[in-house]
């Protein structure tokens, strides 16, 4: 029997949690609820397939919880969707920079939330399905950066760097096409194929985060205004 995806809903609105729990279960998910970030962090979340996380909560915000989750190697891989009434652009960008996989604004429809969750799970559980570019190499390298396609490891100056699946796919695409400009549309098609919620700004945020992680070679990812990004290697 196929395993039901397990979702952790973290929100201090108890009524909303119960509504989401009921509808997710009807849609074929297992659901756990935490009414605060502190409560969630006391749970064993390593078995969760995705966290639906409110931003504005009590003592600890959703952003702080996400930062803790991302810094723990046992939970760093778990996709996070932020869910909040805050709609300022800087909050959306902060959520993505911390490592969020999507950002949903309240009020929302339950159908939209379920659709977003399914889209993120499709992408993160089996990213190969969404690769229009065929990558046959088992190893890709450009100078001091190398990618092992079998183990999904990225090495920078002989040290392994921790990347999310999204970041891994972006660097793979860029290194496979060194010195070639890849448009934002091509990056979206490669990493987020068939998803309607991704825009150019999301690509820019992930590129910014990727540059920091592969330092000092982040400067090799150059922007070509009006065209896209290129990994320069000579």
C-alpha atoms as a PDB file:
ATOM      1  CA  UNK A   1       0.000   0.000   0.000  1.00  0.00           C
ATOM      2  CA  UNK A   2       1.323   3.416  -0.940  1.00  0.00           C
ATOM      3  CA  UNK A   3       2.428   5.527   2.006  1.00  0.00           C
ATOM      4  CA  UNK A   4       0.204   8.529   2.738  1.00  0.00           C
ATOM      5  CA  UNK A   5       2.200  11.790   2.768  1.00  0.00           C
ATOM      6  CA  UNK A   6       2.523  13.207   6.275  1.00  0.00           C
ATOM      7  CA  UNK A   7       1.901  16.922   6.771  1.00  0.00           C
ATOM      8  CA  UNK A   8       2.625  18.948   9.896  1.00  0.00           C
ATOM      9  CA  UNK A   9       0.400  22.022  10.256  1.00  0.00           C
ATOM     10  CA  UNK A  10       1.817  24.626  12.639  1.00  0.00           C
ATOM     11  CA  UNK A  11      -0.571  27.505  13.356  1.00  0.00           C
ATOM     12  CA  UNK A  12      -1.921  29.149  16.501  1.00  0.00           C
ATOM     13  CA  UNK A  13      -5.452  29.318  15.042  1.00  0.00           C
ATOM     14  CA  UNK A  14      -6.955  26.093  16.345  1.00  0.00           C
ATOM     15  CA  UNK A  15     -10.104  26.293  14.200  1.00  0.00           C
ATOM     16  CA  UNK A  16      -8.016  26.720  11.054  1.00  0.00           C
ATOM     17  CA  UNK A  17      -5.828  23.773  12.006  1.00  0.00           C
ATOM     18  CA  UNK A  18      -8.871  21.562  12.420  1.00  0.00           C
ATOM     19  CA  UNK A  19     -10.266  22.642   9.045  1.00  0.00           C
ATOM     20  CA  UNK A  20      -6.946  21.949   7.323  1.00  0.00           C
ATOM     21  CA  UNK A  21      -6.553  18.625   9.119  1.00  0.00           C
ATOM     22  CA  UNK A  22      -9.993  17.445   8.021  1.00  0.00           C
ATOM     23  CA  UNK A  23      -9.530  18.492   4.384  1.00  0.00           C
ATOM     24  CA  UNK A  24      -5.991  17.121   4.089  1.00  0.00           C
ATOM     25  CA  UNK A  25      -7.146  13.773   5.457  1.00  0.00           C
ATOM     26  CA  UNK A  26      -9.987  13.752   2.929  1.00  0.00           C
ATOM     27  CA  UNK A  27      -7.363  14.408   0.230  1.00  0.00           C
ATOM     28  CA  UNK A  28      -5.284  11.391   1.298  1.00  0.00           C
ATOM     29  CA  UNK A  29      -2.759  12.875   3.729  1.00  0.00           C
ATOM     30  CA  UNK A  30      -1.795  12.034   7.291  1.00  0.00           C
ATOM     31  CA  UNK A  31      -1.838  15.230   9.357  1.00  0.00           C
ATOM     32  CA  UNK A  32      -0.392  16.320  12.668  1.00  0.00           C
ATOM     33  CA  UNK A  33      -1.108  19.676  14.303  1.00  0.00           C
ATOM     34  CA  UNK A  34       0.954  21.965  16.527  1.00  0.00           C
ATOM     35  CA  UNK A  35      -0.467  25.217  17.888  1.00  0.00           C
ATOM     36  CA  UNK A  36       2.940  26.844  18.306  1.00  0.00           C
ATOM     37  CA  UNK A  37       6.464  26.591  16.957  1.00  0.00           C
ATOM     38  CA  UNK A  38       7.662  25.495  20.389  1.00  0.00           C
ATOM     39  CA  UNK A  39       5.157  22.630  20.431  1.00  0.00           C
ATOM     40  CA  UNK A  40       6.162  21.586  16.912  1.00  0.00           C
ATOM     41  CA  UNK A  41       9.862  21.473  17.798  1.00  0.00           C
ATOM     42  CA  UNK A  42       9.109  19.123  20.705  1.00  0.00           C
ATOM     43  CA  UNK A  43       7.556  16.645  18.271  1.00  0.00           C
ATOM     44  CA  UNK A  44       9.409  14.080  16.186  1.00  0.00           C
ATOM     45  CA  UNK A  45       9.140  15.862  12.845  1.00  0.00           C
ATOM     46  CA  UNK A  46      11.776  13.828  11.023  1.00  0.00           C
ATOM     47  CA  UNK A  47       9.050  11.634   9.517  1.00  0.00           C
ATOM     48  CA  UNK A  48       7.118  14.591   8.092  1.00  0.00           C
ATOM     49  CA  UNK A  49       7.005  15.002   4.337  1.00  0.00           C
ATOM     50  CA  UNK A  50       6.106  18.704   4.500  1.00  0.00           C
ATOM     51  CA  UNK A  51       5.536  21.467   7.063  1.00  0.00           C
ATOM     52  CA  UNK A  52       2.765  24.041   6.567  1.00  0.00           C
ATOM     53  CA  UNK A  53       3.998  26.833   8.804  1.00  0.00           C
ATOM     54  CA  UNK A  54       2.351  30.044   9.985  1.00  0.00           C
ATOM     55  CA  UNK A  55       4.692  33.017  10.366  1.00  0.00           C
ATOM     56  CA  UNK A  56       3.144  35.120  13.137  1.00  0.00           C
ATOM     57  CA  UNK A  57       2.846  32.993  16.281  1.00  0.00           C
ATOM     58  CA  UNK A  58       3.370  33.630  19.996  1.00  0.00           C
ATOM     59  CA  UNK A  59       6.921  33.691  21.305  1.00  0.00           C
ATOM     60  CA  UNK A  60       8.619  32.000  18.352  1.00  0.00           C
ATOM     61  CA  UNK A  61       7.818  32.996  14.798  1.00  0.00           C
ATOM     62  CA  UNK A  62       7.511  30.614  11.885  1.00  0.00           C
ATOM     63  CA  UNK A  63      10.653  32.127  10.381  1.00  0.00           C
ATOM     64  CA  UNK A  64      12.618  31.270  13.530  1.00  0.00           C
ATOM     65  CA  UNK A  65      11.279  27.727  13.550  1.00  0.00           C
ATOM     66  CA  UNK A  66      12.138  27.292   9.860  1.00  0.00           C
ATOM     67  CA  UNK A  67      15.678  28.475  10.540  1.00  0.00           C
ATOM     68  CA  UNK A  68      16.037  25.845  13.288  1.00  0.00           C
ATOM     69  CA  UNK A  69      14.605  23.134  11.017  1.00  0.00           C
ATOM     70  CA  UNK A  70      16.981  24.052   8.195  1.00  0.00           C
ATOM     71  CA  UNK A  71      20.057  24.011  10.462  1.00  0.00           C
ATOM     72  CA  UNK A  72      19.318  20.491  11.732  1.00  0.00           C
ATOM     73  CA  UNK A  73      20.693  17.928   9.290  1.00  0.00           C
ATOM     74  CA  UNK A  74      17.923  15.483  10.275  1.00  0.00           C
ATOM     75  CA  UNK A  75      15.168  17.902   9.193  1.00  0.00           C
ATOM     76  CA  UNK A  76      16.890  20.211   6.694  1.00  0.00           C
ATOM     77  CA  UNK A  77      15.403  18.315   3.753  1.00  0.00           C
ATOM     78  CA  UNK A  78      11.748  18.764   4.783  1.00  0.00           C
ATOM     79  CA  UNK A  79       9.875  21.141   2.446  1.00  0.00           C
ATOM     80  CA  UNK A  80       8.324  24.174   4.159  1.00  0.00           C
ATOM     81  CA  UNK A  81       5.372  26.233   2.964  1.00  0.00           C
ATOM     82  CA  UNK A  82       4.856  29.477   4.855  1.00  0.00           C
ATOM     83  CA  UNK A  83       1.251  30.467   5.447  1.00  0.00           C
ATOM     84  CA  UNK A  84       0.535  33.957   6.777  1.00  0.00           C
ATOM     85  CA  UNK A  85      -1.582  37.067   6.569  1.00  0.00           C
ATOM     86  CA  UNK A  86       1.512  39.209   6.094  1.00  0.00           C
ATOM     87  CA  UNK A  87       1.743  40.288   2.473  1.00  0.00           C
ATOM     88  CA  UNK A  88       4.769  42.599   2.380  1.00  0.00           C
ATOM     89  CA  UNK A  89       7.248  41.610  -0.324  1.00  0.00           C
ATOM     90  CA  UNK A  90      10.155  41.593   2.123  1.00  0.00           C
ATOM     91  CA  UNK A  91       8.384  38.933   4.223  1.00  0.00           C
ATOM     92  CA  UNK A  92       7.901  36.730   1.180  1.00  0.00           C
ATOM     93  CA  UNK A  93      11.564  37.100   0.229  1.00  0.00           C
ATOM     94  CA  UNK A  94      12.733  36.443   3.785  1.00  0.00           C
ATOM     95  CA  UNK A  95      10.708  33.246   3.833  1.00  0.00           C
ATOM     96  CA  UNK A  96      12.342  32.067   0.620  1.00  0.00           C
ATOM     97  CA  UNK A  97      15.816  33.075   1.791  1.00  0.00           C
ATOM     98  CA  UNK A  98      15.397  31.047   4.996  1.00  0.00           C
ATOM     99  CA  UNK A  99      14.608  28.031   2.860  1.00  0.00           C
ATOM    100  CA  UNK A 100      10.875  28.081   2.286  1.00  0.00           C
ATOM    101  CA  UNK A 101       9.587  26.204  -0.747  1.00  0.00           C
ATOM    102  CA  UNK A 102       6.428  28.270  -1.170  1.00  0.00           C
ATOM    103  CA  UNK A 103       4.496  31.103   0.467  1.00  0.00           C
ATOM    104  CA  UNK A 104       0.697  31.288   0.770  1.00  0.00           C
ATOM    105  CA  UNK A 105      -1.146  34.410   1.882  1.00  0.00           C
ATOM    106  CA  UNK A 106      -4.235  34.382   4.102  1.00  0.00           C
ATOM    107  CA  UNK A 107      -7.115  34.346   3.478  1.00  0.00           C
ATOM    108  CA  UNK A 108      -6.798  31.348   1.211  1.00  0.00           C
ATOM    109  CA  UNK A 109      -8.991  28.590  -0.149  1.00  0.00           C
ATOM    110  CA  UNK A 110      -8.352  25.105   1.203  1.00  0.00           C
ATOM    111  CA  UNK A 111      -8.262  23.807  -2.377  1.00  0.00           C
ATOM    112  CA  UNK A 112      -5.410  26.195  -3.171  1.00  0.00           C
ATOM    113  CA  UNK A 113      -3.426  25.071  -0.126  1.00  0.00           C
ATOM    114  CA  UNK A 114      -3.850  21.399  -1.048  1.00  0.00           C
ATOM    115  CA  UNK A 115      -2.831  22.128  -4.648  1.00  0.00           C
ATOM    116  CA  UNK A 116       0.282  23.978  -3.491  1.00  0.00           C
ATOM    117  CA  UNK A 117       1.237  21.186  -1.107  1.00  0.00           C
ATOM    118  CA  UNK A 118       0.855  18.568  -3.839  1.00  0.00           C
ATOM    119  CA  UNK A 119       2.956  20.670  -6.230  1.00  0.00           C
ATOM    120  CA  UNK A 120       5.797  21.062  -3.719  1.00  0.00           C
ATOM    121  CA  UNK A 121       5.718  17.358  -2.831  1.00  0.00           C
ATOM    122  CA  UNK A 122       5.859  16.377  -6.511  1.00  0.00           C
ATOM    123  CA  UNK A 123       8.889  18.564  -7.010  1.00  0.00           C
ATOM    124  CA  UNK A 124      10.783  17.604  -3.867  1.00  0.00           C
ATOM    125  CA  UNK A 125       9.991  13.886  -3.719  1.00  0.00           C
ATOM    126  CA  UNK A 126      10.823  13.128  -7.335  1.00  0.00           C
ATOM    127  CA  UNK A 127      12.587  16.072  -8.960  1.00  0.00           C
ATOM    128  CA  UNK A 128      13.760  13.967 -11.891  1.00  0.00           C
ATOM    129  CA  UNK A 129      10.198  13.944 -13.245  1.00  0.00           C
ATOM    130  CA  UNK A 130      10.492  17.681 -13.873  1.00  0.00           C
ATOM    131  CA  UNK A 131      13.740  17.758 -15.818  1.00  0.00           C
ATOM    132  CA  UNK A 132      13.209  18.692 -19.468  1.00  0.00           C
ATOM    133  CA  UNK A 133      16.995  18.826 -19.900  1.00  0.00           C
ATOM    134  CA  UNK A 134      18.549  15.393 -20.007  1.00  0.00           C
ATOM    135  CA  UNK A 135      21.589  15.036 -17.772  1.00  0.00           C
ATOM    136  CA  UNK A 136      23.491  11.854 -18.469  1.00  0.00           C
ATOM    137  CA  UNK A 137      26.735  12.706 -16.675  1.00  0.00           C
ATOM    138  CA  UNK A 138      27.321  10.999 -13.361  1.00  0.00           C
ATOM    139  CA  UNK A 139      29.714  13.796 -12.460  1.00  0.00           C
ATOM    140  CA  UNK A 140      29.740  17.424 -13.513  1.00  0.00           C
ATOM    141  CA  UNK A 141      32.528  19.803 -12.621  1.00  0.00           C
ATOM    142  CA  UNK A 142      33.710  23.334 -13.237  1.00  0.00           C
ATOM    143  CA  UNK A 143      36.995  24.152 -11.567  1.00  0.00           C
ATOM    144  CA  UNK A 144      36.702  23.664  -7.822  1.00  0.00           C
ATOM    145  CA  UNK A 145      32.983  22.826  -7.918  1.00  0.00           C
ATOM    146  CA  UNK A 146      31.876  19.288  -8.691  1.00  0.00           C
ATOM    147  CA  UNK A 147      28.526  17.523  -8.654  1.00  0.00           C
ATOM    148  CA  UNK A 148      28.049  13.806  -8.167  1.00  0.00           C
ATOM    149  CA  UNK A 149      24.727  13.004  -9.806  1.00  0.00           C
ATOM    150  CA  UNK A 150      24.452   9.585  -8.141  1.00  0.00           C
ATOM    151  CA  UNK A 151      24.902  10.730  -4.544  1.00  0.00           C
ATOM    152  CA  UNK A 152      23.469  14.215  -5.202  1.00  0.00           C
ATOM    153  CA  UNK A 153      26.488  15.774  -3.514  1.00  0.00           C
ATOM    154  CA  UNK A 154      28.002  19.139  -4.394  1.00  0.00           C
ATOM    155  CA  UNK A 155      31.634  19.692  -3.460  1.00  0.00           C
ATOM    156  CA  UNK A 156      33.278  23.115  -3.244  1.00  0.00           C
ATOM    157  CA  UNK A 157      37.042  23.127  -2.659  1.00  0.00           C
ATOM    158  CA  UNK A 158      36.738  19.462  -1.621  1.00  0.00           C
ATOM    159  CA  UNK A 159      34.129  20.218   1.044  1.00  0.00           C
ATOM    160  CA  UNK A 160      30.517  19.166   0.751  1.00  0.00           C
ATOM    161  CA  UNK A 161      27.958  21.974   0.791  1.00  0.00           C
ATOM    162  CA  UNK A 162      24.381  21.489   1.953  1.00  0.00           C
ATOM    163  CA  UNK A 163      21.933  22.463  -0.790  1.00  0.00           C
ATOM    164  CA  UNK A 164      18.188  22.141  -1.017  1.00  0.00           C
ATOM    165  CA  UNK A 165      16.829  20.129  -3.952  1.00  0.00           C
ATOM    166  CA  UNK A 166      15.882  23.361  -5.695  1.00  0.00           C
ATOM    167  CA  UNK A 167      19.394  24.775  -5.284  1.00  0.00           C
ATOM    168  CA  UNK A 168      20.895  21.460  -6.412  1.00  0.00           C
ATOM    169  CA  UNK A 169      18.878  21.505  -9.617  1.00  0.00           C
ATOM    170  CA  UNK A 170      19.767  25.123 -10.361  1.00  0.00           C
ATOM    171  CA  UNK A 171      23.519  24.607  -9.934  1.00  0.00           C
ATOM    172  CA  UNK A 172      23.320  21.395 -11.957  1.00  0.00           C
ATOM    173  CA  UNK A 173      21.618  23.221 -14.813  1.00  0.00           C
ATOM    174  CA  UNK A 174      24.125  26.087 -14.738  1.00  0.00           C
ATOM    175  CA  UNK A 175      27.227  23.893 -14.559  1.00  0.00           C
ATOM    176  CA  UNK A 176      25.931  21.606 -17.285  1.00  0.00           C
ATOM    177  CA  UNK A 177      25.710  24.730 -19.459  1.00  0.00           C
ATOM    178  CA  UNK A 178      28.807  26.684 -18.410  1.00  0.00           C
ATOM    179  CA  UNK A 179      29.295  29.985 -20.234  1.00  0.00           C
ATOM    180  CA  UNK A 180      25.783  29.748 -21.660  1.00  0.00           C
ATOM    181  CA  UNK A 181      23.045  32.145 -20.557  1.00  0.00           C
ATOM    182  CA  UNK A 182      20.010  30.337 -19.153  1.00  0.00           C
ATOM    183  CA  UNK A 183      16.843  32.428 -19.056  1.00  0.00           C
ATOM    184  CA  UNK A 184      14.694  32.626 -15.952  1.00  0.00           C
ATOM    185  CA  UNK A 185      11.932  30.960 -17.948  1.00  0.00           C
ATOM    186  CA  UNK A 186      14.254  28.031 -18.713  1.00  0.00           C
ATOM    187  CA  UNK A 187      15.246  27.746 -15.057  1.00  0.00           C
ATOM    188  CA  UNK A 188      11.590  27.735 -14.004  1.00  0.00           C
ATOM    189  CA  UNK A 189      10.791  25.117 -16.653  1.00  0.00           C
ATOM    190  CA  UNK A 190      13.667  22.937 -15.441  1.00  0.00           C
ATOM    191  CA  UNK A 191      13.108  23.239 -11.703  1.00  0.00           C
ATOM    192  CA  UNK A 192       9.421  24.091 -11.333  1.00  0.00           C
ATOM    193  CA  UNK A 193       7.888  22.611 -14.493  1.00  0.00           C
ATOM    194  CA  UNK A 194       4.087  22.885 -14.776  1.00  0.00           C
ATOM    195  CA  UNK A 195       3.765  25.005 -11.623  1.00  0.00           C
ATOM    196  CA  UNK A 196       1.859  28.271 -11.936  1.00  0.00           C
ATOM    197  CA  UNK A 197       2.962  29.911  -8.693  1.00  0.00           C
ATOM    198  CA  UNK A 198       6.610  30.604  -9.540  1.00  0.00           C
ATOM    199  CA  UNK A 199       7.817  33.970 -10.825  1.00  0.00           C
ATOM    200  CA  UNK A 200      11.140  35.527 -11.834  1.00  0.00           C
ATOM    201  CA  UNK A 201      11.683  36.979  -8.358  1.00  0.00           C
ATOM    202  CA  UNK A 202      11.591  33.495  -6.843  1.00  0.00           C
ATOM    203  CA  UNK A 203      14.416  32.470  -9.188  1.00  0.00           C
ATOM    204  CA  UNK A 204      16.459  35.540  -8.174  1.00  0.00           C
ATOM    205  CA  UNK A 205      16.080  34.741  -4.464  1.00  0.00           C
ATOM    206  CA  UNK A 206      17.230  31.138  -4.937  1.00  0.00           C
ATOM    207  CA  UNK A 207      20.204  32.307  -7.017  1.00  0.00           C
ATOM    208  CA  UNK A 208      21.184  34.753  -4.254  1.00  0.00           C
ATOM    209  CA  UNK A 209      21.048  31.971  -1.662  1.00  0.00           C
ATOM    210  CA  UNK A 210      22.989  29.602  -3.918  1.00  0.00           C
ATOM    211  CA  UNK A 211      25.746  32.161  -4.485  1.00  0.00           C
ATOM    212  CA  UNK A 212      26.317  32.413  -0.734  1.00  0.00           C
ATOM    213  CA  UNK A 213      26.495  28.652  -0.290  1.00  0.00           C
ATOM    214  CA  UNK A 214      29.097  28.055  -3.009  1.00  0.00           C
ATOM    215  CA  UNK A 215      31.313  30.969  -1.953  1.00  0.00           C
ATOM    216  CA  UNK A 216      33.858  32.053  -3.058  1.00  0.00           C
ATOM    217  CA  UNK A 217      32.602  30.899  -6.471  1.00  0.00           C
ATOM    218  CA  UNK A 218      29.191  32.506  -6.208  1.00  0.00           C
ATOM    219  CA  UNK A 219      30.553  35.395  -8.245  1.00  0.00           C
ATOM    220  CA  UNK A 220      30.813  33.005 -11.179  1.00  0.00           C
ATOM    221  CA  UNK A 221      27.013  32.993 -11.402  1.00  0.00           C
ATOM    222  CA  UNK A 222      26.551  36.189 -13.339  1.00  0.00           C
ATOM    223  CA  UNK A 223      23.362  37.939 -14.327  1.00  0.00           C
ATOM    224  CA  UNK A 224      22.780  39.047 -17.899  1.00  0.00           C
ATOM    225  CA  UNK A 225      20.236  41.821 -17.629  1.00  0.00           C
ATOM    226  CA  UNK A 226      17.099  41.005 -19.577  1.00  0.00           C
ATOM    227  CA  UNK A 227      18.328  37.497 -20.419  1.00  0.00           C
ATOM    228  CA  UNK A 228      19.045  35.338 -17.381  1.00  0.00           C
ATOM    229  CA  UNK A 229      21.968  33.715 -15.576  1.00  0.00           C
ATOM    230  CA  UNK A 230      25.234  32.160 -16.630  1.00  0.00           C
ATOM    231  CA  UNK A 231      27.945  30.234 -14.797  1.00  0.00           C
ATOM    232  CA  UNK A 232      31.197  31.630 -16.139  1.00  0.00           C
ATOM    233  CA  UNK A 233      34.094  29.187 -16.248  1.00  0.00           C
ATOM    234  CA  UNK A 234      37.244  29.490 -18.329  1.00  0.00           C
END
